[in-house]
């Protein structure tokens, strides 16, 4: 059974999963005690922030690819679908108490989380 944080009753798994909803809860969890001292919550918060940055970069690529008929449209769709799948996996694993390390982003998040 996951440990409860005494001040809010929000479990570590719930806080980890909520970090992926947008980057705002992730930043809050990195700043507010006692969440900022939990390495698992810190990992998921950092991974969420890095995933958001990667999604913004992919959105720029998405716009560029839309100008290329057929192949660009297909690639754009695959990139968007890939980010959606990765995001859903991260949320499900975080709520389940597991760490899913996204390639490239995961090790950076682990390094930042300490």
C-alpha atoms as a PDB file:
ATOM      1  CA  UNK A   1       0.000   0.000   0.000  1.00  0.00           C
ATOM      2  CA  UNK A   2       1.465   3.402  -0.954  1.00  0.00           C
ATOM      3  CA  UNK A   3       2.488   5.777   1.777  1.00  0.00           C
ATOM      4  CA  UNK A   4       0.131   8.651   2.449  1.00  0.00           C
ATOM      5  CA  UNK A   5       1.456  12.170   2.704  1.00  0.00           C
ATOM      6  CA  UNK A   6       0.205  13.389   6.089  1.00  0.00           C
ATOM      7  CA  UNK A   7      -0.766  16.950   5.145  1.00  0.00           C
ATOM      8  CA  UNK A   8      -3.095  16.287   2.204  1.00  0.00           C
ATOM      9  CA  UNK A   9      -3.782  12.572   2.130  1.00  0.00           C
ATOM     10  CA  UNK A  10      -2.569  12.510  -1.483  1.00  0.00           C
ATOM     11  CA  UNK A  11      -0.670   9.279  -2.048  1.00  0.00           C
ATOM     12  CA  UNK A  12       2.714   9.217  -3.752  1.00  0.00           C
ATOM     13  CA  UNK A  13       1.217   7.345  -6.711  1.00  0.00           C
ATOM     14  CA  UNK A  14      -1.577   9.897  -7.109  1.00  0.00           C
ATOM     15  CA  UNK A  15       0.887  12.800  -6.987  1.00  0.00           C
ATOM     16  CA  UNK A  16       3.140  11.036  -9.517  1.00  0.00           C
ATOM     17  CA  UNK A  17       0.226  10.471 -11.898  1.00  0.00           C
ATOM     18  CA  UNK A  18      -1.128  13.994 -11.488  1.00  0.00           C
ATOM     19  CA  UNK A  19       2.278  15.375 -12.493  1.00  0.00           C
ATOM     20  CA  UNK A  20       1.558  14.244 -16.069  1.00  0.00           C
ATOM     21  CA  UNK A  21      -1.774  16.025 -16.489  1.00  0.00           C
ATOM     22  CA  UNK A  22       0.006  19.264 -17.408  1.00  0.00           C
ATOM     23  CA  UNK A  23       3.381  20.710 -16.525  1.00  0.00           C
ATOM     24  CA  UNK A  24       1.777  22.946 -13.859  1.00  0.00           C
ATOM     25  CA  UNK A  25       1.234  20.210 -11.221  1.00  0.00           C
ATOM     26  CA  UNK A  26       4.717  18.912 -12.038  1.00  0.00           C
ATOM     27  CA  UNK A  27       6.234  22.289 -11.191  1.00  0.00           C
ATOM     28  CA  UNK A  28       4.109  22.550  -8.039  1.00  0.00           C
ATOM     29  CA  UNK A  29       5.279  19.106  -6.875  1.00  0.00           C
ATOM     30  CA  UNK A  30       8.908  20.165  -7.416  1.00  0.00           C
ATOM     31  CA  UNK A  31       8.440  23.261  -5.263  1.00  0.00           C
ATOM     32  CA  UNK A  32       6.042  22.229  -2.479  1.00  0.00           C
ATOM     33  CA  UNK A  33       7.086  20.097   0.487  1.00  0.00           C
ATOM     34  CA  UNK A  34       6.754  17.169   1.195  1.00  0.00           C
ATOM     35  CA  UNK A  35       6.457  16.230  -2.490  1.00  0.00           C
ATOM     36  CA  UNK A  36       9.763  17.830  -3.458  1.00  0.00           C
ATOM     37  CA  UNK A  37      11.636  15.458  -1.158  1.00  0.00           C
ATOM     38  CA  UNK A  38      10.174  12.263  -2.647  1.00  0.00           C
ATOM     39  CA  UNK A  39      12.481  10.925  -5.396  1.00  0.00           C
ATOM     40  CA  UNK A  40       9.663   9.085  -7.197  1.00  0.00           C
ATOM     41  CA  UNK A  41       7.435  12.171  -7.400  1.00  0.00           C
ATOM     42  CA  UNK A  42      10.443  14.273  -8.437  1.00  0.00           C
ATOM     43  CA  UNK A  43      11.257  11.787 -11.231  1.00  0.00           C
ATOM     44  CA  UNK A  44       7.722  11.844 -12.628  1.00  0.00           C
ATOM     45  CA  UNK A  45       7.552  15.640 -12.344  1.00  0.00           C
ATOM     46  CA  UNK A  46      10.817  16.108 -14.225  1.00  0.00           C
ATOM     47  CA  UNK A  47       9.861  13.549 -16.850  1.00  0.00           C
ATOM     48  CA  UNK A  48       6.535  15.346 -17.335  1.00  0.00           C
ATOM     49  CA  UNK A  49       8.308  18.679 -17.837  1.00  0.00           C
ATOM     50  CA  UNK A  50      10.813  17.188 -20.303  1.00  0.00           C
ATOM     51  CA  UNK A  51       7.994  15.390 -22.130  1.00  0.00           C
ATOM     52  CA  UNK A  52       6.158  18.714 -22.447  1.00  0.00           C
ATOM     53  CA  UNK A  53       9.259  20.370 -23.919  1.00  0.00           C
ATOM     54  CA  UNK A  54       9.654  17.473 -26.375  1.00  0.00           C
ATOM     55  CA  UNK A  55       5.967  17.732 -27.315  1.00  0.00           C
ATOM     56  CA  UNK A  56       6.368  21.448 -28.045  1.00  0.00           C
ATOM     57  CA  UNK A  57       9.354  20.698 -30.283  1.00  0.00           C
ATOM     58  CA  UNK A  58       7.354  17.933 -31.979  1.00  0.00           C
ATOM     59  CA  UNK A  59       4.478  20.373 -32.518  1.00  0.00           C
ATOM     60  CA  UNK A  60       6.814  22.658 -34.436  1.00  0.00           C
ATOM     61  CA  UNK A  61       7.938  19.685 -36.528  1.00  0.00           C
ATOM     62  CA  UNK A  62       4.272  18.731 -36.931  1.00  0.00           C
ATOM     63  CA  UNK A  63       3.492  22.127 -38.471  1.00  0.00           C
ATOM     64  CA  UNK A  64       6.425  21.864 -40.875  1.00  0.00           C
ATOM     65  CA  UNK A  65       5.445  18.324 -41.922  1.00  0.00           C
ATOM     66  CA  UNK A  66       1.906  19.421 -42.756  1.00  0.00           C
ATOM     67  CA  UNK A  67       3.324  21.306 -45.749  1.00  0.00           C
ATOM     68  CA  UNK A  68       4.599  18.033 -47.260  1.00  0.00           C
ATOM     69  CA  UNK A  69       1.728  16.195 -48.939  1.00  0.00           C
ATOM     70  CA  UNK A  70       0.935  12.607 -47.991  1.00  0.00           C
ATOM     71  CA  UNK A  71       4.288  11.541 -46.467  1.00  0.00           C
ATOM     72  CA  UNK A  72       4.402  14.609 -44.220  1.00  0.00           C
ATOM     73  CA  UNK A  73       0.799  14.087 -43.174  1.00  0.00           C
ATOM     74  CA  UNK A  74       1.426  10.454 -42.305  1.00  0.00           C
ATOM     75  CA  UNK A  75       4.614  11.257 -40.362  1.00  0.00           C
ATOM     76  CA  UNK A  76       2.847  14.074 -38.556  1.00  0.00           C
ATOM     77  CA  UNK A  77       0.027  11.749 -37.548  1.00  0.00           C
ATOM     78  CA  UNK A  78       2.472   9.075 -36.355  1.00  0.00           C
ATOM     79  CA  UNK A  79       4.417  11.576 -34.244  1.00  0.00           C
ATOM     80  CA  UNK A  80       1.228  12.861 -32.627  1.00  0.00           C
ATOM     81  CA  UNK A  81      -0.041   9.337 -31.988  1.00  0.00           C
ATOM     82  CA  UNK A  82       3.340   8.344 -30.542  1.00  0.00           C
ATOM     83  CA  UNK A  83       3.310  11.209 -28.051  1.00  0.00           C
ATOM     84  CA  UNK A  84      -0.251  10.363 -27.029  1.00  0.00           C
ATOM     85  CA  UNK A  85       0.670   6.722 -26.406  1.00  0.00           C
ATOM     86  CA  UNK A  86       3.810   7.620 -24.430  1.00  0.00           C
ATOM     87  CA  UNK A  87       1.840  10.134 -22.343  1.00  0.00           C
ATOM     88  CA  UNK A  88      -0.875   7.560 -21.549  1.00  0.00           C
ATOM     89  CA  UNK A  89       1.709   4.923 -20.617  1.00  0.00           C
ATOM     90  CA  UNK A  90       3.445   7.399 -18.300  1.00  0.00           C
ATOM     91  CA  UNK A  91       0.176   8.279 -16.556  1.00  0.00           C
ATOM     92  CA  UNK A  92      -0.926   4.659 -16.133  1.00  0.00           C
ATOM     93  CA  UNK A  93       2.474   3.527 -14.852  1.00  0.00           C
ATOM     94  CA  UNK A  94       2.766   6.496 -12.452  1.00  0.00           C
ATOM     95  CA  UNK A  95      -0.669   5.866 -10.933  1.00  0.00           C
ATOM     96  CA  UNK A  96       0.349   2.209 -10.585  1.00  0.00           C
ATOM     97  CA  UNK A  97       3.506   3.124  -8.681  1.00  0.00           C
ATOM     98  CA  UNK A  98       5.901   2.179 -11.467  1.00  0.00           C
ATOM     99  CA  UNK A  99       8.552   4.163 -13.298  1.00  0.00           C
ATOM    100  CA  UNK A 100       8.378   4.132 -17.073  1.00  0.00           C
ATOM    101  CA  UNK A 101      11.539   5.673 -18.460  1.00  0.00           C
ATOM    102  CA  UNK A 102      10.866   7.376 -21.763  1.00  0.00           C
ATOM    103  CA  UNK A 103      13.952   6.954 -23.981  1.00  0.00           C
ATOM    104  CA  UNK A 104      16.316   9.963 -23.754  1.00  0.00           C
ATOM    105  CA  UNK A 105      13.911  11.882 -21.488  1.00  0.00           C
ATOM    106  CA  UNK A 106      13.771   9.285 -18.698  1.00  0.00           C
ATOM    107  CA  UNK A 107      17.487   9.262 -17.888  1.00  0.00           C
ATOM    108  CA  UNK A 108      17.509  13.083 -17.831  1.00  0.00           C
ATOM    109  CA  UNK A 109      14.570  13.055 -15.430  1.00  0.00           C
ATOM    110  CA  UNK A 110      16.259  10.454 -13.222  1.00  0.00           C
ATOM    111  CA  UNK A 111      19.416  12.573 -13.118  1.00  0.00           C
ATOM    112  CA  UNK A 112      17.441  15.691 -12.151  1.00  0.00           C
ATOM    113  CA  UNK A 113      15.432  13.793  -9.522  1.00  0.00           C
ATOM    114  CA  UNK A 114      18.630  12.625  -7.876  1.00  0.00           C
END
